Amino acid sequence: MVSGGGVPTDDKQVIGLEREVMMVAWKGLDPYNMLAPKQFQAPRNTLN
């Protein structure tokens, strides 16, 4: 018995933590904080 839906895509097939990681990655964020941190931009008078 074959369904007419075809092969499920990744977004239809993932569940749980894997789905949360995929959704964060789609938003362009870093799900595991593995990327280099963005440069800290502080005013000159607050340093030290």
N, C-alpha and C. Protein backbone atom coordinates (compact mmCIF):
# COMPACT_ATOMS: atom_id res chain seq x y z
N MET A 1 0.84 -1.17 0.00
CA MET A 1 0.00 0.00 0.00
C MET A 1 0.90 1.24 0.00
N VAL A 2 0.73 2.09 -0.98
CA VAL A 2 1.57 3.27 -1.15
C VAL A 2 0.71 4.51 -1.00
N SER A 3 1.18 5.44 -0.19
CA SER A 3 0.44 6.70 -0.06
C SER A 3 0.86 7.65 -1.18
N GLY A 4 0.01 8.55 -1.53
CA GLY A 4 0.27 9.48 -2.62
C GLY A 4 1.00 10.74 -2.20
N GLY A 5 1.47 10.80 -0.95
CA GLY A 5 2.11 12.01 -0.44
C GLY A 5 3.54 12.20 -0.89
N GLY A 6 4.21 11.17 -1.36
CA GLY A 6 5.60 11.29 -1.75
C GLY A 6 6.54 11.15 -0.57
N VAL A 7 7.77 11.49 -0.79
CA VAL A 7 8.80 11.38 0.25
C VAL A 7 8.70 12.59 1.17
N PRO A 8 8.62 12.37 2.49
CA PRO A 8 8.52 13.51 3.40
C PRO A 8 9.82 14.32 3.43
N THR A 9 9.70 15.62 3.52
CA THR A 9 10.86 16.49 3.60
C THR A 9 11.37 16.53 5.03
N ASP A 10 12.55 17.10 5.22
CA ASP A 10 13.15 17.15 6.56
C ASP A 10 12.26 17.88 7.56
N ASP A 11 11.65 18.99 7.13
CA ASP A 11 10.82 19.76 8.06
C ASP A 11 9.56 19.03 8.47
N LYS A 12 9.11 18.08 7.68
CA LYS A 12 7.93 17.29 8.02
C LYS A 12 8.29 16.06 8.86
N GLN A 13 9.55 15.65 8.83
CA GLN A 13 9.95 14.39 9.42
C GLN A 13 10.61 14.53 10.78
N VAL A 14 11.24 15.66 11.08
CA VAL A 14 11.98 15.81 12.34
C VAL A 14 11.04 16.03 13.52
N ILE A 15 11.48 15.58 14.70
CA ILE A 15 10.71 15.76 15.93
C ILE A 15 11.66 16.08 17.07
N GLY A 16 11.13 16.60 18.15
CA GLY A 16 11.89 16.81 19.38
C GLY A 16 13.00 17.83 19.26
N LEU A 17 14.12 17.52 19.89
CA LEU A 17 15.26 18.42 19.94
C LEU A 17 15.82 18.70 18.55
N GLU A 18 15.81 17.70 17.70
CA GLU A 18 16.29 17.87 16.33
C GLU A 18 15.49 18.95 15.61
N ARG A 19 14.19 19.00 15.85
CA ARG A 19 13.33 20.00 15.22
C ARG A 19 13.67 21.40 15.75
N GLU A 20 13.89 21.51 17.06
CA GLU A 20 14.24 22.81 17.64
C GLU A 20 15.56 23.33 17.06
N VAL A 21 16.53 22.43 16.92
CA VAL A 21 17.82 22.83 16.35
C VAL A 21 17.66 23.28 14.91
N MET A 22 16.84 22.57 14.14
CA MET A 22 16.62 22.94 12.75
C MET A 22 15.92 24.30 12.64
N MET A 23 14.94 24.55 13.50
CA MET A 23 14.22 25.83 13.45
C MET A 23 15.15 26.99 13.79
N VAL A 24 16.03 26.80 14.77
CA VAL A 24 16.99 27.85 15.13
C VAL A 24 17.96 28.09 13.99
N ALA A 25 18.42 27.02 13.36
CA ALA A 25 19.35 27.15 12.23
C ALA A 25 18.69 27.86 11.06
N TRP A 26 17.40 27.62 10.82
CA TRP A 26 16.69 28.31 9.73
C TRP A 26 16.61 29.81 9.98
N LYS A 27 16.56 30.20 11.26
CA LYS A 27 16.50 31.62 11.60
C LYS A 27 17.86 32.29 11.48
N GLY A 28 18.89 31.51 11.21
CA GLY A 28 20.23 32.06 11.05
C GLY A 28 20.98 32.20 12.36
N LEU A 29 20.47 31.58 13.41
CA LEU A 29 21.13 31.64 14.70
C LEU A 29 22.04 30.42 14.89
N ASP A 30 22.82 30.41 15.93
CA ASP A 30 23.74 29.32 16.21
C ASP A 30 23.16 28.45 17.31
N PRO A 31 22.61 27.28 17.00
CA PRO A 31 21.93 26.47 18.02
C PRO A 31 22.85 25.93 19.11
N TYR A 32 24.12 25.75 18.82
CA TYR A 32 25.04 25.19 19.81
C TYR A 32 26.09 26.19 20.28
N ASN A 33 25.97 27.45 19.94
CA ASN A 33 26.94 28.49 20.30
C ASN A 33 28.35 28.10 19.88
N MET A 34 28.49 27.60 18.67
CA MET A 34 29.79 27.17 18.16
C MET A 34 30.49 28.25 17.35
N LEU A 35 29.76 29.24 16.89
CA LEU A 35 30.37 30.29 16.08
C LEU A 35 31.14 31.26 16.97
N ALA A 36 32.06 31.97 16.37
CA ALA A 36 32.83 32.96 17.11
C ALA A 36 31.89 34.05 17.62
N PRO A 37 32.10 34.52 18.85
CA PRO A 37 31.22 35.57 19.38
C PRO A 37 31.38 36.87 18.60
N LYS A 38 30.32 37.64 18.55
CA LYS A 38 30.37 38.92 17.86
C LYS A 38 31.21 39.89 18.67
N GLN A 39 31.83 40.81 17.99
CA GLN A 39 32.72 41.78 18.63
C GLN A 39 31.94 42.65 19.61
N PHE A 40 32.48 42.83 20.79
CA PHE A 40 31.85 43.65 21.81
C PHE A 40 32.08 45.12 21.47
N GLN A 41 31.00 45.88 21.39
CA GLN A 41 31.08 47.29 21.04
C GLN A 41 30.76 48.13 22.26
N ALA A 42 31.78 48.52 23.02
CA ALA A 42 31.57 49.35 24.21
C ALA A 42 32.09 50.76 23.93
N PRO A 43 31.49 51.75 24.53
CA PRO A 43 32.03 53.11 24.41
C PRO A 43 33.43 53.17 25.01
N ARG A 44 34.26 54.00 24.46
CA ARG A 44 35.67 54.07 24.91
C ARG A 44 35.81 54.42 26.39
N ASN A 45 34.92 55.21 26.93
CA ASN A 45 35.07 55.64 28.32
C ASN A 45 34.68 54.56 29.33
N THR A 46 34.06 53.46 28.90
CA THR A 46 33.68 52.39 29.85
C THR A 46 34.70 51.29 29.92
N LEU A 47 35.71 51.28 29.06
CA LEU A 47 36.72 50.24 29.10
C LEU A 47 37.68 50.51 30.26
N ASN A 48 38.01 49.47 31.00
CA ASN A 48 38.90 49.53 32.17
C ASN A 48 38.32 50.42 33.18
